[in-house]
Amino acid sequence: MKHGFVFLGVILFILILSCFSYAGGGFAFPGVGSKALSMGGAFRGLADDWSAAFWNPGGLAYLSNTEISSSFYVLNFRPEYTPSMKLGESDYTFGYPAVTSYPEDRAFFLPNISGFYKFTQLNGFTGGVAFYAPYKMQSQWNLYKPPMGYNNTIEYPKYDHVTNILIWDIHPSVAKSFMEGKLGLGLGISIERADFELRRTVLVPTTYPRPYDFFPYDARMKTDGWGVGFNAGVLYKYSPKLQFGLSYRNPIDLNLSGSMKLEMYYPRITGSQILGGITSYKDNNFETTLSLPGEIGFGVMYKPIEKLTLTSDISSVNWSCLESIDTKDFTLTQSQNDTLYLDVRDAKIPFNWENIIRFSLGGEYMLKENLNVRGGYFFEKTPIPNSTFTLLIPDVGDKHSINLGLSYKINSVELGYDYQLVTYKKRDVKDFEDVNGDGRFDNMPGSYKMIYHCSGLSFCYHF
């Protein structure tokens, strides 16, 4: 009974903390591992399979066998956007019709693999490597319609707002148990590879009257690069029924290089030297740094009866490290006539994101000796303020996630399935904002909605 009181006390403490917290995921994937995801990510206090390398590497010390694991996920992002691109009381929409739009309807696929070896000659020592994707987001939108006068020979791109973000993590980890098996300590190294593609229409202010007071340019950025970091974890077994986990992941700076191309679209203005054409800039030596957040998390596991496991987690992520991407070092070459309206040599892409906290609950019940069912829930808010919110990263608002899963064991093989449904609170962005004072709008006013589905299959072989 005393274990139950301790568990309830910890849950109450976590609930109180979450009531005073702001949370969100940005472009982060909700986590890794079929079991962990189906329990809502409430896994730091349990951490009893390969995904402990991500959640809490201290749990790797207690893997009972050497194992090889793989999983495969199908992701479905379902955002919608109704533009309200207006200044003041004007009805002019700047080329964004006030109709509800959706991105191209596509499913995206994501694999994870891992292998961990239990050193029988070294009591309590485990080592191995995991390969997973902690960050993932993709979408393509057909939104912008050039106003009258933009009858250029080259049509405006069909997909004018594009996001393709993928970050892989190669994660070697080691763990060891101490204090006669009561304390597990683990350490992992994150070797991360990033591939980014972002595309957006940018409206540049001019000296011409409406409808030519803002010229559009098509901004396309493709970049990739590497970064290195670490995570560490502790798992403490207070008793066979109660254990606690604590983990930390350090911030990682990704050193990126790539290219940016800007195409300015001009209207045909009577009495002006502008005759309707395109000016392109191509980057030759693009280099910048993207900061990914650190994270600290605490979790608890409690077994009120032998067949039932309950878990709870709270974690804090410092997304405030993502202030901006500095473009001042771009080397630009010009392919057509110069223009005063297209100058990004000292520009920055502002983010100004906020720190977040995530709260999770999970449970697992053994229906039969070889069949387990799982469920979970987590709650988050978005780290993205209205001042820099666009549909490129549609982390719309308060998130509620319902998670389900099961696993079935056949001798040394374990098969798993998990499903996640995440609903987002509607967001309304009322006004344009220019955060960095460069004359360009840094957000996209309008109404946003979002729903997200994820299904995963997993396979694990125990030696």
Protein backbone atom coordinates (compact mmCIF):
# COMPACT_ATOMS: atom_id res chain seq x y z
CA MET A 1 0.00 0.00 0.00
CA LYS A 2 2.83 2.41 0.78
CA HIS A 3 4.07 2.02 -2.81
CA GLY A 4 0.67 3.15 -4.03
CA PHE A 5 0.79 6.27 -1.87
CA VAL A 6 4.28 7.10 -3.16
CA PHE A 7 3.11 6.67 -6.76
CA LEU A 8 0.00 8.82 -6.21
CA GLY A 9 2.13 11.49 -4.55
CA VAL A 10 4.49 11.61 -7.53
CA ILE A 11 1.54 11.78 -9.98
CA LEU A 12 0.01 14.66 -8.01
CA PHE A 13 3.36 16.49 -8.10
CA ILE A 14 3.61 16.03 -11.89
CA LEU A 15 0.02 17.20 -12.40
CA ILE A 16 0.64 20.37 -10.40
CA LEU A 17 3.75 21.13 -12.44
CA SER A 18 1.93 20.59 -15.73
CA CYS A 19 -0.80 23.08 -14.79
CA PHE A 20 1.77 25.89 -14.75
CA SER A 21 3.67 24.82 -17.86
CA TYR A 22 3.82 25.61 -21.55
CA ALA A 23 4.56 22.77 -23.90
CA GLY A 24 4.93 21.75 -27.52
CA GLY A 25 6.76 19.69 -30.07
CA GLY A 26 7.69 22.06 -32.90
CA PHE A 27 8.76 19.70 -35.69
CA ALA A 28 9.79 16.88 -33.33
CA PHE A 29 8.43 13.36 -33.79
CA PRO A 30 6.47 12.29 -30.63
CA GLY A 31 9.19 9.76 -29.75
CA VAL A 32 10.47 6.33 -30.74
CA GLY A 33 9.66 2.73 -29.90
CA SER A 34 6.34 0.92 -30.32
CA LYS A 35 5.91 0.23 -26.61
CA ALA A 36 6.87 3.75 -25.51
CA LEU A 37 4.64 5.45 -28.09
CA SER A 38 1.63 3.24 -27.32
CA MET A 39 2.04 4.28 -23.64
CA GLY A 40 1.95 7.97 -24.55
CA GLY A 41 5.69 8.45 -24.12
CA ALA A 42 5.43 7.81 -20.36
CA PHE A 43 8.48 5.59 -20.50
CA ARG A 44 11.39 7.09 -18.52
CA GLY A 45 10.46 5.24 -15.35
CA LEU A 46 10.07 1.91 -17.19
CA ALA A 47 12.63 2.02 -20.03
CA ASP A 48 12.70 -1.76 -20.54
CA ASP A 49 13.36 -2.13 -24.27
CA TRP A 50 15.70 -0.75 -26.95
CA SER A 51 13.95 2.66 -27.08
CA ALA A 52 15.43 3.37 -23.64
CA ALA A 53 18.37 4.64 -25.73
CA PHE A 54 16.11 7.61 -26.59
CA TRP A 55 13.98 7.96 -23.43
CA ASN A 56 16.35 6.94 -20.63
CA PRO A 57 19.57 5.04 -21.43
CA GLY A 58 19.85 3.99 -17.77
CA GLY A 59 17.16 1.38 -18.49
CA LEU A 60 19.40 -0.40 -21.01
CA ALA A 61 21.32 -1.87 -18.05
CA TYR A 62 18.33 -4.13 -17.34
CA LEU A 63 17.71 -5.60 -20.79
CA SER A 64 17.33 -9.30 -20.07
CA ASN A 65 18.66 -10.46 -23.45
CA THR A 66 20.62 -9.39 -26.48
CA GLU A 67 18.09 -8.08 -29.01
CA ILE A 68 17.70 -6.75 -32.54
CA SER A 69 14.69 -4.53 -33.20
CA SER A 70 13.10 -2.71 -36.11
CA SER A 71 9.94 -0.67 -36.60
CA PHE A 72 8.14 0.99 -39.46
CA TYR A 73 5.79 3.98 -39.16
CA VAL A 74 3.21 5.52 -41.46
CA LEU A 75 2.67 9.23 -40.73
CA ASN A 76 -0.31 11.33 -41.80
CA PHE A 77 -0.26 15.09 -41.18
CA ARG A 78 -3.71 16.67 -41.67
CA PRO A 79 -3.46 20.46 -41.32
CA GLU A 80 -5.88 22.98 -42.82
CA TYR A 81 -5.52 26.72 -43.28
CA THR A 82 -7.95 29.53 -44.03
CA PRO A 83 -5.94 32.68 -44.90
CA SER A 84 -6.84 36.09 -43.52
CA MET A 85 -4.01 37.99 -45.19
CA LYS A 86 -5.36 41.53 -44.76
CA LEU A 87 -4.08 44.83 -43.42
CA GLY A 88 -6.53 46.69 -41.20
CA GLU A 89 -10.06 46.92 -42.61
CA SER A 90 -8.95 46.32 -46.19
CA ASP A 91 -10.44 43.40 -48.15
CA TYR A 92 -7.29 42.97 -50.22
CA THR A 93 -5.83 39.48 -49.66
CA PHE A 94 -2.30 39.91 -51.12
CA GLY A 95 -2.75 36.87 -53.38
CA TYR A 96 -4.07 34.52 -50.67
CA PRO A 97 -7.79 33.86 -51.28
CA ALA A 98 -9.77 33.49 -48.03
CA VAL A 99 -10.76 29.88 -48.69
CA THR A 100 -9.87 26.81 -46.65
CA SER A 101 -6.86 24.99 -48.12
CA TYR A 102 -5.19 21.67 -47.48
CA PRO A 103 -1.73 20.35 -48.35
CA GLU A 104 -1.16 17.60 -50.85
CA ASP A 105 -2.66 14.42 -49.38
CA ARG A 106 0.27 12.07 -48.80
CA ALA A 107 1.39 9.43 -46.30
CA PHE A 108 5.00 9.42 -45.16
CA PHE A 109 7.08 6.47 -44.02
CA LEU A 110 9.74 6.22 -41.34
CA PRO A 111 11.86 3.22 -40.23
CA ASN A 112 13.84 2.66 -37.00
CA ILE A 113 16.36 -0.10 -36.27
CA SER A 114 18.51 -1.05 -33.27
CA GLY A 115 20.71 -3.73 -31.78
CA PHE A 116 21.86 -4.12 -28.16
CA TYR A 117 24.17 -6.76 -26.72
CA LYS A 118 23.97 -8.03 -23.14
CA PHE A 119 27.50 -8.78 -21.95
CA THR A 120 27.08 -11.91 -19.83
CA GLN A 121 30.70 -11.82 -18.70
CA LEU A 122 30.27 -8.26 -17.41
CA ASN A 123 27.36 -8.37 -14.98
CA GLY A 124 24.80 -5.63 -15.63
CA PHE A 125 26.59 -4.12 -18.65
CA THR A 126 24.81 -3.50 -21.99
CA GLY A 127 25.97 -1.79 -25.18
CA GLY A 128 24.62 -1.23 -28.67
CA VAL A 129 23.47 1.15 -31.38
CA ALA A 130 20.05 2.55 -32.32
CA PHE A 131 19.09 4.38 -35.51
CA TYR A 132 15.96 6.50 -35.44
CA ALA A 133 14.44 9.82 -36.53
CA PRO A 134 13.61 12.23 -33.67
CA TYR A 135 12.44 15.02 -36.03
CA LYS A 136 10.14 14.68 -39.01
CA MET A 137 7.66 16.91 -40.90
CA GLN A 138 6.50 17.14 -44.53
CA SER A 139 3.86 19.11 -46.42
CA GLN A 140 3.20 20.79 -49.80
CA TRP A 141 0.69 23.62 -50.30
CA ASN A 142 -0.74 25.34 -53.38
CA LEU A 143 -1.77 28.70 -51.88
CA TYR A 144 -0.47 31.84 -53.55
CA LYS A 145 -2.24 33.31 -56.60
CA PRO A 146 -0.39 36.31 -58.14
CA PRO A 147 -2.69 39.37 -58.42
CA MET A 148 -3.58 40.99 -61.74
CA GLY A 149 -0.69 42.17 -63.85
CA TYR A 150 1.61 39.21 -63.06
CA ASN A 151 1.25 37.61 -66.49
CA ASN A 152 4.87 36.48 -66.58
CA THR A 153 6.18 34.01 -69.12
CA ILE A 154 7.18 31.72 -66.23
CA GLU A 155 4.22 30.61 -64.12
CA TYR A 156 4.32 30.89 -60.37
CA PRO A 157 5.19 27.50 -58.76
CA LYS A 158 2.25 25.20 -58.04
CA TYR A 159 3.57 24.19 -54.61
CA ASP A 160 4.61 27.53 -53.18
CA HIS A 161 4.82 26.54 -49.48
CA VAL A 162 6.83 23.35 -48.90
CA THR A 163 8.27 21.72 -45.78
CA ASN A 164 10.53 18.68 -45.78
CA ILE A 165 12.38 18.21 -42.49
CA LEU A 166 14.10 14.97 -41.55
CA ILE A 167 16.75 14.46 -38.87
CA TRP A 168 18.31 11.03 -38.32
CA ASP A 169 20.10 10.02 -35.12
CA ILE A 170 22.80 7.35 -35.02
CA HIS A 171 22.89 6.57 -31.32
CA PRO A 172 25.55 4.29 -29.75
CA SER A 173 24.80 3.73 -26.05
CA VAL A 174 26.22 1.93 -23.01
CA ALA A 175 24.68 1.20 -19.61
CA LYS A 176 25.67 -0.49 -16.35
CA SER A 177 23.81 -1.48 -13.19
CA PHE A 178 25.10 -0.71 -9.69
CA MET A 179 24.04 -1.08 -6.04
CA GLU A 180 23.23 -4.79 -6.43
CA GLY A 181 21.04 -4.06 -9.41
CA LYS A 182 19.04 -1.20 -7.91
CA LEU A 183 20.62 1.63 -9.92
CA GLY A 184 21.14 1.75 -13.69
CA LEU A 185 23.28 4.42 -15.35
CA GLY A 186 23.42 4.95 -19.11
CA LEU A 187 25.07 7.23 -21.64
CA GLY A 188 24.37 7.70 -25.35
CA ILE A 189 25.99 9.68 -28.16
CA SER A 190 23.77 11.42 -30.74
CA ILE A 191 25.29 11.68 -34.20
CA GLU A 192 22.61 13.58 -36.09
CA ARG A 193 22.16 14.13 -39.80
CA ALA A 194 19.72 16.82 -40.97
CA ASP A 195 18.07 17.33 -44.35
CA PHE A 196 15.95 20.47 -44.73
CA GLU A 197 13.88 21.84 -47.58
CA LEU A 198 11.76 24.94 -46.98
CA ARG A 199 9.89 26.96 -49.59
CA ARG A 200 7.70 29.99 -49.03
CA THR A 201 6.26 33.03 -50.78
CA VAL A 202 7.66 36.23 -49.26
CA LEU A 203 5.91 39.58 -49.80
CA VAL A 204 8.35 42.48 -50.21
CA PRO A 205 7.13 46.09 -49.72
CA THR A 206 7.57 48.49 -52.66
CA THR A 207 6.90 52.17 -53.46
CA TYR A 208 4.10 51.37 -55.93
CA PRO A 209 0.37 51.73 -55.19
CA ARG A 210 -1.93 48.77 -54.59
CA PRO A 211 -2.12 46.14 -55.94
CA TYR A 212 1.64 46.47 -56.53
CA ASP A 213 2.63 47.62 -53.02
CA PHE A 214 4.07 44.15 -52.29
CA PHE A 215 6.01 42.09 -54.83
CA PRO A 216 6.18 38.31 -54.24
CA TYR A 217 9.32 36.25 -54.39
CA ASP A 218 9.65 32.51 -54.25
CA ALA A 219 12.22 31.58 -51.56
CA ARG A 220 13.64 28.06 -51.70
CA MET A 221 16.18 26.73 -49.22
CA LYS A 222 17.79 23.30 -49.33
CA THR A 223 20.39 22.44 -46.74
CA ASP A 224 21.91 19.55 -44.84
CA GLY A 225 24.53 18.97 -42.20
CA TRP A 226 25.67 17.19 -39.04
CA GLY A 227 25.71 17.70 -35.29
CA VAL A 228 26.86 15.73 -32.24
CA GLY A 229 25.43 15.59 -28.73
CA PHE A 230 24.69 13.16 -25.91
CA ASN A 231 22.03 11.96 -23.52
CA ALA A 232 22.32 10.35 -20.10
CA GLY A 233 19.89 8.59 -17.81
CA VAL A 234 19.34 7.07 -14.37
CA LEU A 235 16.88 4.31 -13.49
CA TYR A 236 16.36 3.56 -9.80
CA LYS A 237 14.51 0.40 -8.70
CA TYR A 238 12.99 1.40 -5.36
CA SER A 239 11.23 -1.97 -5.17
CA PRO A 240 9.90 -4.63 -7.58
CA LYS A 241 6.71 -2.55 -7.80
CA LEU A 242 8.08 0.98 -7.96
CA GLN A 243 10.92 2.61 -9.89
CA PHE A 244 11.98 6.08 -11.01
CA GLY A 245 13.77 7.41 -14.08
CA LEU A 246 15.59 10.65 -14.83
CA SER A 247 17.14 11.57 -18.18
CA TYR A 248 18.87 14.52 -19.83
CA ARG A 249 19.58 15.34 -23.48
CA ASN A 250 21.95 18.21 -24.27
CA PRO A 251 21.23 20.90 -26.92
CA ILE A 252 22.76 20.18 -30.33
CA ASP A 253 23.97 22.70 -32.88
CA LEU A 254 23.63 21.42 -36.44
CA ASN A 255 26.18 22.91 -38.82
CA LEU A 256 24.30 23.27 -42.09
CA SER A 257 25.37 24.10 -45.62
CA GLY A 258 23.32 24.24 -48.76
CA SER A 259 21.72 26.60 -51.26
CA MET A 260 19.04 29.25 -51.41
CA LYS A 261 17.34 30.48 -54.56
CA LEU A 262 15.10 33.54 -54.66
CA GLU A 263 12.91 34.40 -57.67
CA MET A 264 11.25 37.81 -57.69
CA TYR A 265 8.04 38.14 -59.74
CA TYR A 266 7.32 41.58 -61.26
CA PRO A 267 3.98 42.88 -62.56
CA ARG A 268 3.50 44.87 -65.74
CA ILE A 269 3.04 48.44 -64.47
CA THR A 270 2.09 51.16 -66.99
CA GLY A 271 4.64 53.97 -67.09
CA SER A 272 7.21 51.94 -65.17
CA GLN A 273 10.49 50.42 -66.27
CA ILE A 274 9.34 47.13 -64.79
CA LEU A 275 8.11 44.97 -67.68
CA GLY A 276 7.25 41.77 -65.89
CA GLY A 277 10.15 39.39 -65.34
CA ILE A 278 11.98 37.33 -62.78
CA THR A 279 15.21 38.06 -60.94
CA SER A 280 16.95 35.03 -59.46
CA TYR A 281 19.56 34.83 -56.76
CA LYS A 282 21.52 31.64 -56.24
CA ASP A 283 23.63 30.92 -53.18
CA ASN A 284 27.08 29.42 -53.66
CA ASN A 285 28.40 29.18 -50.09
CA PHE A 286 25.46 28.77 -47.74
CA GLU A 287 26.46 28.06 -44.14
CA THR A 288 24.46 28.50 -40.94
CA THR A 289 23.70 26.87 -37.60
CA LEU A 290 20.40 25.38 -36.46
CA SER A 291 20.02 24.86 -32.70
CA LEU A 292 18.03 21.85 -31.52
CA PRO A 293 16.75 21.84 -27.93
CA GLY A 294 17.96 20.01 -24.89
CA GLU A 295 15.54 18.11 -22.70
CA ILE A 296 15.25 16.89 -19.11
CA GLY A 297 12.60 14.41 -18.02
CA PHE A 298 11.41 12.50 -14.98
CA GLY A 299 9.26 9.37 -14.90
CA VAL A 300 7.78 6.86 -12.50
CA MET A 301 6.59 3.24 -12.92
CA TYR A 302 4.22 1.49 -10.52
CA LYS A 303 2.83 -2.07 -10.59
CA PRO A 304 -0.28 -2.23 -8.38
CA ILE A 305 -0.75 -5.88 -9.41
CA GLU A 306 1.49 -8.31 -11.26
CA LYS A 307 -0.31 -7.98 -14.59
CA LEU A 308 -0.71 -4.19 -14.62
CA THR A 309 1.99 -1.53 -15.11
CA LEU A 310 1.25 2.20 -14.76
CA THR A 311 3.62 4.98 -15.82
CA SER A 312 3.80 8.75 -15.79
CA ASP A 313 6.30 11.25 -17.24
CA ILE A 314 7.01 14.96 -17.29
CA SER A 315 9.70 16.53 -19.47
CA SER A 316 10.92 20.04 -20.24
CA VAL A 317 12.32 21.04 -23.66
CA ASN A 318 14.18 24.33 -24.20
CA TRP A 319 12.87 25.30 -27.65
CA SER A 320 13.80 28.90 -26.79
CA CYS A 321 17.27 28.06 -28.14
CA LEU A 322 15.71 28.31 -31.62
CA GLU A 323 15.73 32.11 -31.94
CA SER A 324 16.56 32.53 -35.63
CA ILE A 325 18.57 31.29 -38.60
CA ASP A 326 21.14 33.91 -39.52
CA THR A 327 21.63 34.38 -43.28
CA LYS A 328 24.18 37.17 -43.19
CA ASP A 329 26.96 34.93 -44.51
CA PHE A 330 25.15 33.98 -47.71
CA THR A 331 27.19 34.49 -50.87
CA LEU A 332 24.72 35.56 -53.54
CA THR A 333 25.13 35.62 -57.30
CA GLN A 334 22.63 37.40 -59.49
CA SER A 335 21.25 35.92 -62.70
CA GLN A 336 19.10 38.84 -63.90
CA ASN A 337 18.63 42.56 -63.34
CA ASP A 338 19.27 43.93 -59.87
CA THR A 339 16.41 45.17 -57.71
CA LEU A 340 16.13 47.19 -54.56
CA TYR A 341 13.33 44.94 -53.42
CA LEU A 342 15.31 41.72 -53.06
CA ASP A 343 18.15 42.03 -50.57
CA VAL A 344 18.70 39.30 -47.96
CA ARG A 345 22.39 39.74 -47.27
CA ASP A 346 21.75 40.73 -43.65
CA ALA A 347 18.40 39.06 -43.14
CA LYS A 348 17.44 36.60 -40.44
CA ILE A 349 14.67 34.03 -40.37
CA PRO A 350 13.12 34.61 -36.92
CA PHE A 351 11.62 31.86 -34.75
CA ASN A 352 11.53 33.16 -31.16
CA TRP A 353 10.13 29.87 -29.89
CA GLU A 354 9.33 29.22 -26.24
CA ASN A 355 10.30 26.51 -23.75
CA ILE A 356 7.84 23.67 -23.29
CA ILE A 357 6.78 20.88 -20.93
CA ARG A 358 5.09 17.61 -21.87
CA PHE A 359 2.96 15.49 -19.53
CA SER A 360 2.31 11.79 -20.25
CA LEU A 361 0.40 8.86 -18.73
CA GLY A 362 0.60 5.21 -19.79
CA GLY A 363 -0.37 1.69 -18.88
CA GLU A 364 0.23 -1.92 -19.91
CA TYR A 365 -1.87 -4.96 -19.04
CA MET A 366 -0.96 -8.63 -19.57
CA LEU A 367 -4.00 -10.35 -21.07
CA LYS A 368 -2.11 -13.60 -21.51
CA GLU A 369 1.43 -14.70 -20.89
CA ASN A 370 2.39 -13.77 -24.46
CA LEU A 371 -0.11 -10.93 -25.15
CA ASN A 372 0.03 -7.39 -23.74
CA VAL A 373 -2.25 -4.44 -24.44
CA ARG A 374 -1.21 -0.82 -23.89
CA GLY A 375 -2.65 2.65 -23.79
CA GLY A 376 -1.44 6.16 -23.17
CA TYR A 377 -2.09 9.88 -23.29
CA PHE A 378 0.00 13.03 -23.49
CA PHE A 379 -0.68 16.76 -23.44
CA GLU A 380 1.38 19.59 -24.96
CA LYS A 381 1.12 23.18 -26.09
CA THR A 382 2.97 24.69 -29.02
CA PRO A 383 6.31 26.51 -28.57
CA ILE A 384 5.59 28.74 -31.60
CA PRO A 385 4.20 32.26 -30.94
CA ASN A 386 1.70 33.96 -33.25
CA SER A 387 4.36 36.47 -34.27
CA THR A 388 6.34 33.84 -36.26
CA PHE A 389 3.65 31.24 -36.92
CA THR A 390 3.30 29.98 -40.49
CA LEU A 391 1.94 26.78 -42.01
CA LEU A 392 5.48 25.57 -42.77
CA ILE A 393 5.59 24.12 -39.24
CA PRO A 394 1.91 23.70 -38.31
CA ASP A 395 2.30 22.92 -34.60
CA VAL A 396 -1.05 24.62 -34.18
CA GLY A 397 -1.80 24.59 -30.45
CA ASP A 398 -2.69 22.52 -27.42
CA LYS A 399 -2.22 18.86 -28.32
CA HIS A 400 -4.09 15.89 -26.86
CA SER A 401 -2.82 12.47 -27.91
CA ILE A 402 -4.60 9.13 -27.51
CA ASN A 403 -2.34 6.11 -27.93
CA LEU A 404 -3.09 2.40 -28.24
CA GLY A 405 -0.96 -0.68 -28.86
CA LEU A 406 -0.34 -4.34 -28.29
CA SER A 407 2.47 -6.89 -28.46
CA TYR A 408 2.51 -10.63 -29.07
CA LYS A 409 5.41 -12.95 -28.30
CA ILE A 410 6.20 -16.13 -30.22
CA ASN A 411 9.19 -17.83 -28.58
CA SER A 412 12.08 -15.35 -29.11
CA VAL A 413 10.15 -13.04 -31.44
CA GLU A 414 7.99 -10.14 -30.30
CA LEU A 415 5.61 -8.39 -32.71
CA GLY A 416 4.00 -5.05 -31.92
CA TYR A 417 1.52 -2.54 -33.25
CA ASP A 418 0.80 1.00 -32.06
CA TYR A 419 -1.55 3.77 -33.14
CA GLN A 420 -1.51 7.44 -32.22
CA LEU A 421 -4.16 10.12 -32.78
CA VAL A 422 -3.17 13.71 -31.96
CA THR A 423 -5.76 16.50 -32.01
CA TYR A 424 -4.82 20.19 -31.96
CA LYS A 425 -6.75 23.17 -30.65
CA LYS A 426 -7.70 25.63 -33.39
CA ARG A 427 -5.42 28.67 -33.72
CA ASP A 428 -6.39 32.11 -35.03
CA VAL A 429 -3.58 34.49 -36.02
CA LYS A 430 -5.12 37.95 -36.31
CA ASP A 431 -2.46 40.35 -37.56
CA PHE A 432 0.69 40.56 -39.65
CA GLU A 433 3.93 40.98 -37.67
CA ASP A 434 7.44 41.96 -38.72
CA VAL A 435 9.54 40.63 -35.84
CA ASN A 436 13.00 41.62 -37.04
CA GLY A 437 12.06 44.92 -38.73
CA ASP A 438 13.22 44.01 -42.24
CA GLY A 439 9.94 45.00 -43.90
CA ARG A 440 8.86 41.38 -44.54
CA PHE A 441 5.98 39.69 -42.74
CA ASP A 442 7.20 36.89 -40.45
CA ASN A 443 3.83 35.22 -39.87
CA MET A 444 0.74 34.22 -41.82
CA PRO A 445 -2.58 35.45 -40.40
CA GLY A 446 -5.55 33.13 -40.64
CA SER A 447 -7.26 30.16 -38.99
CA TYR A 448 -5.40 26.88 -38.49
CA LYS A 449 -6.56 23.38 -37.63
CA MET A 450 -4.59 20.16 -37.38
CA ILE A 451 -4.97 16.44 -36.77
CA TYR A 452 -2.22 13.81 -36.91
CA HIS A 453 -2.32 10.03 -37.29
CA CYS A 454 0.54 7.58 -36.87
CA SER A 455 0.57 3.78 -37.15
CA GLY A 456 3.57 1.60 -36.44
CA LEU A 457 4.61 -2.03 -36.75
CA SER A 458 7.54 -3.40 -34.77
CA PHE A 459 9.64 -6.55 -34.70
CA CYS A 460 12.09 -7.65 -32.00
CA TYR A 461 14.23 -10.77 -31.82
CA HIS A 462 15.68 -11.79 -28.45
CA PHE A 463 18.79 -13.98 -28.36
